[in-house]
């Protein structure tokens, strides 16, 4: 049986959704995919996973979990984050949607 770990109260979970512009699904997932492993190695990164909607390959979902606000802020200040945002935004159909969650269990 797998033990369930209770995250500390300051843990931050982000669920970020974006819609790739028509014809850009592969470019979007490839681009974000290049940043997954480097981001996972950042201090305070507990989870960083890219998903695609099974019914719509243009709908991508990124699930992130950060140890605390400082870790998230440090991530968003990296050159990799700036590079990703600069390259990604022109490939999207409109603005993405983000949810910031506080884990309860």
PDB file of N, CA and C in Angstrom:
ATOM      1  N   UNK A   1       0.836  -1.169   0.000  1.00  0.00           N
ATOM      2  CA  UNK A   1       0.000   0.000   0.000  1.00  0.00           C
ATOM      3  C   UNK A   1       0.888   1.242   0.000  1.00  0.00           C
ATOM      4  N   UNK A   2       0.504   2.241  -0.788  1.00  0.00           N
ATOM      5  CA  UNK A   2       1.265   3.475  -0.891  1.00  0.00           C
ATOM      6  C   UNK A   2       0.857   4.424   0.221  1.00  0.00           C
ATOM      7  N   UNK A   3       1.851   5.006   0.853  1.00  0.00           N
ATOM      8  CA  UNK A   3       1.573   5.951   1.927  1.00  0.00           C
ATOM      9  C   UNK A   3       1.227   7.304   1.310  1.00  0.00           C
ATOM     10  N   UNK A   4       0.191   7.934   1.796  1.00  0.00           N
ATOM     11  CA  UNK A   4      -0.196   9.262   1.340  1.00  0.00           C
ATOM     12  C   UNK A   4       0.514  10.274   2.203  1.00  0.00           C
ATOM     13  N   UNK A   5       1.201  11.192   1.546  1.00  0.00           N
ATOM     14  CA  UNK A   5       1.903  12.221   2.305  1.00  0.00           C
ATOM     15  C   UNK A   5       1.026  13.451   2.382  1.00  0.00           C
ATOM     16  N   UNK A   6       0.969  14.053   3.527  1.00  0.00           N
ATOM     17  CA  UNK A   6       0.217  15.285   3.710  1.00  0.00           C
ATOM     18  C   UNK A   6       1.153  16.447   3.455  1.00  0.00           C
ATOM     19  N   UNK A   7       0.829  17.281   2.455  1.00  0.00           N
ATOM     20  CA  UNK A   7       1.714  18.387   2.147  1.00  0.00           C
ATOM     21  C   UNK A   7       1.684  19.433   3.251  1.00  0.00           C
ATOM     22  N   UNK A   8       2.798  20.129   3.421  1.00  0.00           N
ATOM     23  CA  UNK A   8       2.804  21.200   4.412  1.00  0.00           C
ATOM     24  C   UNK A   8       1.822  22.309   3.992  1.00  0.00           C
ATOM     25  N   UNK A   9       1.353  23.064   4.938  1.00  0.00           N
ATOM     26  CA  UNK A   9       0.336  24.087   4.680  1.00  0.00           C
ATOM     27  C   UNK A   9       0.781  25.107   3.640  1.00  0.00           C
ATOM     28  N   UNK A  10       2.068  25.377   3.548  1.00  0.00           N
ATOM     29  CA  UNK A  10       2.532  26.405   2.623  1.00  0.00           C
ATOM     30  C   UNK A  10       2.723  25.899   1.187  1.00  0.00           C
ATOM     31  N   UNK A  11       2.528  24.609   0.953  1.00  0.00           N
ATOM     32  CA  UNK A  11       2.672  24.055  -0.389  1.00  0.00           C
ATOM     33  C   UNK A  11       1.697  24.738  -1.338  1.00  0.00           C
ATOM     34  N   UNK A  12       2.169  25.020  -2.555  1.00  0.00           N
ATOM     35  CA  UNK A  12       1.351  25.681  -3.562  1.00  0.00           C
ATOM     36  C   UNK A  12       1.197  24.753  -4.756  1.00  0.00           C
ATOM     37  N   UNK A  13      -0.025  24.550  -5.186  1.00  0.00           N
ATOM     38  CA  UNK A  13      -0.312  23.746  -6.367  1.00  0.00           C
ATOM     39  C   UNK A  13      -0.922  24.666  -7.419  1.00  0.00           C
ATOM     40  N   UNK A  14      -0.382  24.603  -8.623  1.00  0.00           N
ATOM     41  CA  UNK A  14      -0.913  25.366  -9.744  1.00  0.00           C
ATOM     42  C   UNK A  14      -1.397  24.399 -10.810  1.00  0.00           C
ATOM     43  N   UNK A  15      -2.559  24.678 -11.372  1.00  0.00           N
ATOM     44  CA  UNK A  15      -3.068  23.952 -12.523  1.00  0.00           C
ATOM     45  C   UNK A  15      -3.241  25.005 -13.609  1.00  0.00           C
ATOM     46  N   UNK A  16      -2.437  24.904 -14.644  1.00  0.00           N
ATOM     47  CA  UNK A  16      -2.431  25.897 -15.715  1.00  0.00           C
ATOM     48  C   UNK A  16      -2.944  25.235 -16.986  1.00  0.00           C
ATOM     49  N   UNK A  17      -3.977  25.824 -17.577  1.00  0.00           N
ATOM     50  CA  UNK A  17      -4.564  25.300 -18.805  1.00  0.00           C
ATOM     51  C   UNK A  17      -4.333  26.302 -19.927  1.00  0.00           C
ATOM     52  N   UNK A  18      -4.055  25.779 -21.111  1.00  0.00           N
ATOM     53  CA  UNK A  18      -3.893  26.632 -22.280  1.00  0.00           C
ATOM     54  C   UNK A  18      -4.400  25.893 -23.509  1.00  0.00           C
ATOM     55  N   UNK A  19      -4.830  26.649 -24.482  1.00  0.00           N
ATOM     56  CA  UNK A  19      -5.308  26.092 -25.740  1.00  0.00           C
ATOM     57  C   UNK A  19      -4.326  26.494 -26.823  1.00  0.00           C
ATOM     58  N   UNK A  20      -3.726  25.502 -27.458  1.00  0.00           N
ATOM     59  CA  UNK A  20      -2.828  25.784 -28.576  1.00  0.00           C
ATOM     60  C   UNK A  20      -3.642  26.316 -29.747  1.00  0.00           C
ATOM     61  N   UNK A  21      -3.082  27.249 -30.469  1.00  0.00           N
ATOM     62  CA  UNK A  21      -3.738  27.743 -31.676  1.00  0.00           C
ATOM     63  C   UNK A  21      -3.827  26.592 -32.674  1.00  0.00           C
ATOM     64  N   UNK A  22      -4.804  26.635 -33.574  1.00  0.00           N
ATOM     65  CA  UNK A  22      -4.952  25.553 -34.554  1.00  0.00           C
ATOM     66  C   UNK A  22      -3.628  25.229 -35.258  1.00  0.00           C
ATOM     67  N   UNK A  23      -3.316  23.944 -35.285  1.00  0.00           N
ATOM     68  CA  UNK A  23      -2.098  23.475 -35.925  1.00  0.00           C
ATOM     69  C   UNK A  23      -0.846  23.548 -35.067  1.00  0.00           C
ATOM     70  N   UNK A  24      -0.965  24.054 -33.835  1.00  0.00           N
ATOM     71  CA  UNK A  24       0.214  24.230 -32.980  1.00  0.00           C
ATOM     72  C   UNK A  24       0.296  23.263 -31.803  1.00  0.00           C
ATOM     73  N   UNK A  25      -0.564  22.251 -31.759  1.00  0.00           N
ATOM     74  CA  UNK A  25      -0.570  21.344 -30.608  1.00  0.00           C
ATOM     75  C   UNK A  25       0.796  20.712 -30.376  1.00  0.00           C
ATOM     76  N   UNK A  26       1.385  20.159 -31.399  1.00  0.00           N
ATOM     77  CA  UNK A  26       2.687  19.513 -31.255  1.00  0.00           C
ATOM     78  C   UNK A  26       3.783  20.481 -30.870  1.00  0.00           C
ATOM     79  N   UNK A  27       3.759  21.662 -31.440  1.00  0.00           N
ATOM     80  CA  UNK A  27       4.771  22.672 -31.115  1.00  0.00           C
ATOM     81  C   UNK A  27       4.667  23.088 -29.653  1.00  0.00           C
ATOM     82  N   UNK A  28       3.439  23.248 -29.164  1.00  0.00           N
ATOM     83  CA  UNK A  28       3.235  23.657 -27.776  1.00  0.00           C
ATOM     84  C   UNK A  28       3.716  22.573 -26.814  1.00  0.00           C
ATOM     85  N   UNK A  29       3.314  21.325 -27.043  1.00  0.00           N
ATOM     86  CA  UNK A  29       3.731  20.263 -26.116  1.00  0.00           C
ATOM     87  C   UNK A  29       5.231  20.010 -26.199  1.00  0.00           C
ATOM     88  N   UNK A  30       5.809  20.096 -27.388  1.00  0.00           N
ATOM     89  CA  UNK A  30       7.262  19.933 -27.512  1.00  0.00           C
ATOM     90  C   UNK A  30       8.004  21.042 -26.772  1.00  0.00           C
ATOM     91  N   UNK A  31       7.533  22.260 -26.930  1.00  0.00           N
ATOM     92  CA  UNK A  31       8.177  23.405 -26.288  1.00  0.00           C
ATOM     93  C   UNK A  31       8.118  23.276 -24.766  1.00  0.00           C
ATOM     94  N   UNK A  32       6.925  23.068 -24.230  1.00  0.00           N
ATOM     95  CA  UNK A  32       6.802  22.931 -22.777  1.00  0.00           C
ATOM     96  C   UNK A  32       7.579  21.709 -22.298  1.00  0.00           C
ATOM     97  N   UNK A  33       7.523  20.626 -23.063  1.00  0.00           N
ATOM     98  CA  UNK A  33       8.224  19.399 -22.704  1.00  0.00           C
ATOM     99  C   UNK A  33       9.715  19.584 -22.490  1.00  0.00           C
ATOM    100  N   UNK A  34      10.320  20.495 -23.240  1.00  0.00           N
ATOM    101  CA  UNK A  34      11.765  20.761 -23.085  1.00  0.00           C
ATOM    102  C   UNK A  34      12.098  21.380 -21.730  1.00  0.00           C
ATOM    103  N   UNK A  35      11.113  21.982 -21.083  1.00  0.00           N
ATOM    104  CA  UNK A  35      11.353  22.655 -19.808  1.00  0.00           C
ATOM    105  C   UNK A  35      10.959  21.811 -18.602  1.00  0.00           C
ATOM    106  N   UNK A  36      10.358  20.662 -18.832  1.00  0.00           N
ATOM    107  CA  UNK A  36       9.871  19.848 -17.722  1.00  0.00           C
ATOM    108  C   UNK A  36      11.018  19.372 -16.830  1.00  0.00           C
ATOM    109  N   UNK A  37      11.980  18.667 -17.374  1.00  0.00           N
ATOM    110  CA  UNK A  37      13.066  18.119 -16.540  1.00  0.00           C
ATOM    111  C   UNK A  37      13.893  19.207 -15.856  1.00  0.00           C
ATOM    112  N   UNK A  38      14.304  20.269 -16.573  1.00  0.00           N
ATOM    113  CA  UNK A  38      15.040  21.322 -15.865  1.00  0.00           C
ATOM    114  C   UNK A  38      14.236  21.947 -14.730  1.00  0.00           C
ATOM    115  N   UNK A  39      12.938  22.112 -14.928  1.00  0.00           N
ATOM    116  CA  UNK A  39      12.106  22.704 -13.878  1.00  0.00           C
ATOM    117  C   UNK A  39      11.994  21.768 -12.689  1.00  0.00           C
ATOM    118  N   UNK A  40      11.864  20.474 -12.948  1.00  0.00           N
ATOM    119  CA  UNK A  40      11.778  19.502 -11.847  1.00  0.00           C
ATOM    120  C   UNK A  40      13.017  19.522 -10.965  1.00  0.00           C
ATOM    121  N   UNK A  41      14.141  19.939 -11.522  1.00  0.00           N
ATOM    122  CA  UNK A  41      15.397  19.978 -10.766  1.00  0.00           C
ATOM    123  C   UNK A  41      15.568  21.253  -9.957  1.00  0.00           C
ATOM    124  N   UNK A  42      14.672  22.217 -10.137  1.00  0.00           N
ATOM    125  CA  UNK A  42      14.772  23.465  -9.391  1.00  0.00           C
ATOM    126  C   UNK A  42      14.465  23.234  -7.911  1.00  0.00           C
ATOM    127  N   UNK A  43      15.139  24.004  -7.082  1.00  0.00           N
ATOM    128  CA  UNK A  43      14.897  23.917  -5.636  1.00  0.00           C
ATOM    129  C   UNK A  43      13.436  24.218  -5.346  1.00  0.00           C
ATOM    130  N   UNK A  44      12.810  23.376  -4.561  1.00  0.00           N
ATOM    131  CA  UNK A  44      11.438  23.604  -4.143  1.00  0.00           C
ATOM    132  C   UNK A  44      10.369  23.089  -5.082  1.00  0.00           C
ATOM    133  N   UNK A  45      10.770  22.504  -6.223  1.00  0.00           N
ATOM    134  CA  UNK A  45       9.791  21.935  -7.147  1.00  0.00           C
ATOM    135  C   UNK A  45       9.453  20.524  -6.677  1.00  0.00           C
ATOM    136  N   UNK A  46       8.194  20.302  -6.323  1.00  0.00           N
ATOM    137  CA  UNK A  46       7.744  18.997  -5.849  1.00  0.00           C
ATOM    138  C   UNK A  46       7.084  18.196  -6.968  1.00  0.00           C
ATOM    139  N   UNK A  47       6.514  18.911  -7.951  1.00  0.00           N
ATOM    140  CA  UNK A  47       5.868  18.245  -9.075  1.00  0.00           C
ATOM    141  C   UNK A  47       5.766  19.236 -10.226  1.00  0.00           C
ATOM    142  N   UNK A  48       5.992  18.726 -11.440  1.00  0.00           N
ATOM    143  CA  UNK A  48       5.846  19.549 -12.641  1.00  0.00           C
ATOM    144  C   UNK A  48       5.524  18.581 -13.763  1.00  0.00           C
ATOM    145  N   UNK A  49       4.229  18.492 -14.114  1.00  0.00           N
ATOM    146  CA  UNK A  49       3.790  17.490 -15.085  1.00  0.00           C
ATOM    147  C   UNK A  49       2.939  18.124 -16.174  1.00  0.00           C
ATOM    148  N   UNK A  50       3.233  17.747 -17.397  1.00  0.00           N
ATOM    149  CA  UNK A  50       2.493  18.224 -18.557  1.00  0.00           C
ATOM    150  C   UNK A  50       1.488  17.163 -18.977  1.00  0.00           C
ATOM    151  N   UNK A  51       0.257  17.601 -19.237  1.00  0.00           N
ATOM    152  CA  UNK A  51      -0.814  16.712 -19.667  1.00  0.00           C
ATOM    153  C   UNK A  51      -1.460  17.296 -20.916  1.00  0.00           C
ATOM    154  N   UNK A  52      -2.113  16.436 -21.670  1.00  0.00           N
ATOM    155  CA  UNK A  52      -2.927  16.884 -22.795  1.00  0.00           C
ATOM    156  C   UNK A  52      -4.302  16.259 -22.633  1.00  0.00           C
ATOM    157  N   UNK A  53      -5.331  17.024 -22.955  1.00  0.00           N
ATOM    158  CA  UNK A  53      -6.708  16.556 -22.869  1.00  0.00           C
ATOM    159  C   UNK A  53      -6.892  15.390 -23.840  1.00  0.00           C
ATOM    160  N   UNK A  54      -7.415  14.272 -23.345  1.00  0.00           N
ATOM    161  CA  UNK A  54      -7.612  13.088 -24.185  1.00  0.00           C
ATOM    162  C   UNK A  54      -8.599  13.338 -25.323  1.00  0.00           C
ATOM    163  N   UNK A  55      -9.473  14.320 -25.156  1.00  0.00           N
ATOM    164  CA  UNK A  55     -10.474  14.618 -26.187  1.00  0.00           C
ATOM    165  C   UNK A  55     -10.073  15.780 -27.091  1.00  0.00           C
ATOM    166  N   UNK A  56      -8.996  16.488 -26.743  1.00  0.00           N
ATOM    167  CA  UNK A  56      -8.581  17.673 -27.516  1.00  0.00           C
ATOM    168  C   UNK A  56      -7.084  17.877 -27.356  1.00  0.00           C
ATOM    169  N   UNK A  57      -6.313  17.439 -28.344  1.00  0.00           N
ATOM    170  CA  UNK A  57      -4.854  17.510 -28.216  1.00  0.00           C
ATOM    171  C   UNK A  57      -4.315  18.942 -28.251  1.00  0.00           C
ATOM    172  N   UNK A  58      -5.163  19.917 -28.485  1.00  0.00           N
ATOM    173  CA  UNK A  58      -4.750  21.321 -28.437  1.00  0.00           C
ATOM    174  C   UNK A  58      -4.926  21.928 -27.038  1.00  0.00           C
ATOM    175  N   UNK A  59      -5.571  21.170 -26.129  1.00  0.00           N
ATOM    176  CA  UNK A  59      -5.796  21.631 -24.762  1.00  0.00           C
ATOM    177  C   UNK A  59      -4.734  21.002 -23.863  1.00  0.00           C
ATOM    178  N   UNK A  60      -3.809  21.823 -23.385  1.00  0.00           N
ATOM    179  CA  UNK A  60      -2.734  21.328 -22.527  1.00  0.00           C
ATOM    180  C   UNK A  60      -2.949  21.797 -21.092  1.00  0.00           C
ATOM    181  N   UNK A  61      -2.522  20.946 -20.162  1.00  0.00           N
ATOM    182  CA  UNK A  61      -2.672  21.233 -18.740  1.00  0.00           C
ATOM    183  C   UNK A  61      -1.343  20.945 -18.058  1.00  0.00           C
ATOM    184  N   UNK A  62      -0.866  21.908 -17.324  1.00  0.00           N
ATOM    185  CA  UNK A  62       0.375  21.766 -16.571  1.00  0.00           C
ATOM    186  C   UNK A  62       0.018  21.774 -15.096  1.00  0.00           C
ATOM    187  N   UNK A  63       0.471  20.736 -14.366  1.00  0.00           N
ATOM    188  CA  UNK A  63       0.221  20.648 -12.925  1.00  0.00           C
ATOM    189  C   UNK A  63       1.562  20.835 -12.221  1.00  0.00           C
ATOM    190  N   UNK A  64       1.611  21.852 -11.392  1.00  0.00           N
ATOM    191  CA  UNK A  64       2.846  22.185 -10.679  1.00  0.00           C
ATOM    192  C   UNK A  64       2.590  22.145  -9.178  1.00  0.00           C
ATOM    193  N   UNK A  65       3.587  21.707  -8.426  1.00  0.00           N
ATOM    194  CA  UNK A  65       3.513  21.789  -6.969  1.00  0.00           C
ATOM    195  C   UNK A  65       4.841  22.330  -6.478  1.00  0.00           C
ATOM    196  N   UNK A  66       4.751  23.374  -5.680  1.00  0.00           N
ATOM    197  CA  UNK A  66       5.944  24.056  -5.172  1.00  0.00           C
ATOM    198  C   UNK A  66       5.948  24.008  -3.654  1.00  0.00           C
ATOM    199  N   UNK A  67       7.130  23.889  -3.107  1.00  0.00           N
ATOM    200  CA  UNK A  67       7.315  23.775  -1.658  1.00  0.00           C
ATOM    201  C   UNK A  67       6.719  24.969  -0.917  1.00  0.00           C
ATOM    202  N   UNK A  68       6.898  26.159  -1.491  1.00  0.00           N
ATOM    203  CA  UNK A  68       6.401  27.367  -0.842  1.00  0.00           C
ATOM    204  C   UNK A  68       6.426  28.520  -1.839  1.00  0.00           C
ATOM    205  N   UNK A  69       5.989  29.666  -1.387  1.00  0.00           N
ATOM    206  CA  UNK A  69       5.927  30.860  -2.241  1.00  0.00           C
ATOM    207  C   UNK A  69       7.312  31.256  -2.757  1.00  0.00           C
ATOM    208  N   UNK A  70       8.321  31.124  -1.923  1.00  0.00           N
ATOM    209  CA  UNK A  70       9.680  31.494  -2.332  1.00  0.00           C
ATOM    210  C   UNK A  70      10.159  30.636  -3.504  1.00  0.00           C
ATOM    211  N   UNK A  71       9.855  29.351  -3.466  1.00  0.00           N
ATOM    212  CA  UNK A  71      10.265  28.458  -4.559  1.00  0.00           C
ATOM    213  C   UNK A  71       9.550  28.825  -5.854  1.00  0.00           C
ATOM    214  N   UNK A  72       8.264  29.127  -5.783  1.00  0.00           N
ATOM    215  CA  UNK A  72       7.513  29.529  -6.968  1.00  0.00           C
ATOM    216  C   UNK A  72       8.042  30.849  -7.521  1.00  0.00           C
ATOM    217  N   UNK A  73       8.290  31.793  -6.653  1.00  0.00           N
ATOM    218  CA  UNK A  73       8.823  33.091  -7.081  1.00  0.00           C
ATOM    219  C   UNK A  73      10.183  32.927  -7.746  1.00  0.00           C
ATOM    220  N   UNK A  74      11.036  32.083  -7.167  1.00  0.00           N
ATOM    221  CA  UNK A  74      12.360  31.839  -7.755  1.00  0.00           C
ATOM    222  C   UNK A  74      12.213  31.200  -9.141  1.00  0.00           C
ATOM    223  N   UNK A  75      11.288  30.263  -9.280  1.00  0.00           N
ATOM    224  CA  UNK A  75      11.051  29.621 -10.578  1.00  0.00           C
ATOM    225  C   UNK A  75      10.625  30.657 -11.613  1.00  0.00           C
ATOM    226  N   UNK A  76       9.702  31.529 -11.245  1.00  0.00           N
ATOM    227  CA  UNK A  76       9.191  32.516 -12.187  1.00  0.00           C
ATOM    228  C   UNK A  76      10.212  33.592 -12.523  1.00  0.00           C
ATOM    229  N   UNK A  77      11.304  33.640 -11.775  1.00  0.00           N
ATOM    230  CA  UNK A  77      12.378  34.600 -12.053  1.00  0.00           C
ATOM    231  C   UNK A  77      13.501  34.005 -12.899  1.00  0.00           C
ATOM    232  N   UNK A  78      13.404  32.716 -13.240  1.00  0.00           N
ATOM    233  CA  UNK A  78      14.469  32.080 -14.010  1.00  0.00           C
ATOM    234  C   UNK A  78      14.434  32.505 -15.471  1.00  0.00           C
ATOM    235  N   UNK A  79      15.575  32.424 -16.109  1.00  0.00           N
ATOM    236  CA  UNK A  79      15.636  32.727 -17.542  1.00  0.00           C
ATOM    237  C   UNK A  79      14.858  31.681 -18.342  1.00  0.00           C
ATOM    238  N   UNK A  80      14.804  30.442 -17.862  1.00  0.00           N
ATOM    239  CA  UNK A  80      14.054  29.396 -18.546  1.00  0.00           C
ATOM    240  C   UNK A  80      12.565  29.715 -18.582  1.00  0.00           C
ATOM    241  N   UNK A  81      12.027  30.220 -17.479  1.00  0.00           N
ATOM    242  CA  UNK A  81      10.614  30.590 -17.429  1.00  0.00           C
ATOM    243  C   UNK A  81      10.338  31.730 -18.414  1.00  0.00           C
ATOM    244  N   UNK A  82      11.198  32.729 -18.430  1.00  0.00           N
ATOM    245  CA  UNK A  82      11.027  33.857 -19.352  1.00  0.00           C
ATOM    246  C   UNK A  82      11.126  33.387 -20.801  1.00  0.00           C
ATOM    247  N   UNK A  83      12.060  32.509 -21.068  1.00  0.00           N
ATOM    248  CA  UNK A  83      12.234  31.966 -22.418  1.00  0.00           C
ATOM    249  C   UNK A  83      10.995  31.179 -22.851  1.00  0.00           C
ATOM    250  N   UNK A  84      10.476  30.345 -21.955  1.00  0.00           N
ATOM    251  CA  UNK A  84       9.279  29.569 -22.265  1.00  0.00           C
ATOM    252  C   UNK A  84       8.098  30.481 -22.558  1.00  0.00           C
ATOM    253  N   UNK A  85       7.852  31.460 -21.709  1.00  0.00           N
ATOM    254  CA  UNK A  85       6.712  32.355 -21.910  1.00  0.00           C
ATOM    255  C   UNK A  85       6.838  33.118 -23.229  1.00  0.00           C
ATOM    256  N   UNK A  86       8.028  33.588 -23.531  1.00  0.00           N
ATOM    257  CA  UNK A  86       8.260  34.344 -24.766  1.00  0.00           C
ATOM    258  C   UNK A  86       7.967  33.498 -26.005  1.00  0.00           C
ATOM    259  N   UNK A  87       8.396  32.251 -25.983  1.00  0.00           N
ATOM    260  CA  UNK A  87       8.200  31.366 -27.131  1.00  0.00           C
ATOM    261  C   UNK A  87       6.783  30.791 -27.178  1.00  0.00           C
ATOM    262  N   UNK A  88       6.169  30.594 -26.030  1.00  0.00           N
ATOM    263  CA  UNK A  88       4.875  29.914 -25.953  1.00  0.00           C
ATOM    264  C   UNK A  88       3.689  30.806 -26.315  1.00  0.00           C
ATOM    265  N   UNK A  89       3.669  32.010 -25.824  1.00  0.00           N
ATOM    266  CA  UNK A  89       2.494  32.868 -25.983  1.00  0.00           C
ATOM    267  C   UNK A  89       2.036  33.031 -27.432  1.00  0.00           C
ATOM    268  N   UNK A  90       2.920  33.192 -28.402  1.00  0.00           N
ATOM    269  CA  UNK A  90       2.443  33.322 -29.791  1.00  0.00           C
ATOM    270  C   UNK A  90       1.814  32.038 -30.353  1.00  0.00           C
ATOM    271  N   UNK A  91       2.026  30.907 -29.701  1.00  0.00           N
ATOM    272  CA  UNK A  91       1.497  29.626 -30.182  1.00  0.00           C
ATOM    273  C   UNK A  91       0.121  29.297 -29.603  1.00  0.00           C
ATOM    274  N   UNK A  92      -0.373  30.149 -28.712  1.00  0.00           N
ATOM    275  CA  UNK A  92      -1.627  29.868 -28.020  1.00  0.00           C
ATOM    276  C   UNK A  92      -2.800  30.601 -28.647  1.00  0.00           C
ATOM    277  N   UNK A  93      -3.974  30.022 -28.470  1.00  0.00           N
ATOM    278  CA  UNK A  93      -5.225  30.651 -28.898  1.00  0.00           C
ATOM    279  C   UNK A  93      -5.801  31.375 -27.685  1.00  0.00           C
ATOM    280  N   UNK A  94      -5.459  32.605 -27.507  1.00  0.00           N
ATOM    281  CA  UNK A  94      -5.949  33.375 -26.372  1.00  0.00           C
ATOM    282  C   UNK A  94      -5.133  33.143 -25.118  1.00  0.00           C
ATOM    283  N   UNK A  95      -5.649  33.679 -24.032  1.00  0.00           N
ATOM    284  CA  UNK A  95      -4.972  33.557 -22.743  1.00  0.00           C
ATOM    285  C   UNK A  95      -5.265  32.213 -22.106  1.00  0.00           C
ATOM    286  N   UNK A  96      -4.322  31.737 -21.339  1.00  0.00           N
ATOM    287  CA  UNK A  96      -4.527  30.506 -20.592  1.00  0.00           C
ATOM    288  C   UNK A  96      -5.328  30.786 -19.329  1.00  0.00           C
ATOM    289  N   UNK A  97      -5.553  29.728 -18.582  1.00  0.00           N
ATOM    290  CA  UNK A  97      -6.297  29.827 -17.324  1.00  0.00           C
ATOM    291  C   UNK A  97      -5.470  29.150 -16.246  1.00  0.00           C
ATOM    292  N   UNK A  98      -5.364  29.777 -15.110  1.00  0.00           N
ATOM    293  CA  UNK A  98      -4.607  29.187 -14.030  1.00  0.00           C
ATOM    294  C   UNK A  98      -5.421  29.107 -12.745  1.00  0.00           C
ATOM    295  N   UNK A  99      -5.268  28.005 -12.067  1.00  0.00           N
ATOM    296  CA  UNK A  99      -5.866  27.836 -10.748  1.00  0.00           C
ATOM    297  C   UNK A  99      -4.737  27.690  -9.737  1.00  0.00           C
ATOM    298  N   UNK A 100      -4.836  28.394  -8.649  1.00  0.00           N
ATOM    299  CA  UNK A 100      -3.872  28.265  -7.564  1.00  0.00           C
ATOM    300  C   UNK A 100      -4.590  27.582  -6.410  1.00  0.00           C
ATOM    301  N   UNK A 101      -4.112  26.412  -6.059  1.00  0.00           N
ATOM    302  CA  UNK A 101      -4.793  25.587  -5.074  1.00  0.00           C
ATOM    303  C   UNK A 101      -3.987  25.468  -3.798  1.00  0.00           C
ATOM    304  N   UNK A 102      -4.695  25.296  -2.700  1.00  0.00           N
ATOM    305  CA  UNK A 102      -4.075  24.977  -1.419  1.00  0.00           C
ATOM    306  C   UNK A 102      -4.469  23.554  -1.071  1.00  0.00           C
ATOM    307  N   UNK A 103      -3.501  22.633  -1.026  1.00  0.00           N
ATOM    308  CA  UNK A 103      -3.833  21.249  -0.700  1.00  0.00           C
ATOM    309  C   UNK A 103      -4.393  21.134   0.721  1.00  0.00           C
ATOM    310  N   UNK A 104      -5.429  20.302   0.853  1.00  0.00           N
ATOM    311  CA  UNK A 104      -6.022  20.047   2.165  1.00  0.00           C
ATOM    312  C   UNK A 104      -5.615  18.687   2.716  1.00  0.00           C
ATOM    313  N   UNK A 105      -5.256  17.753   1.824  1.00  0.00           N
ATOM    314  CA  UNK A 105      -4.839  16.422   2.271  1.00  0.00           C
ATOM    315  C   UNK A 105      -3.610  16.008   1.500  1.00  0.00           C
TER     316      UNK A 105
END
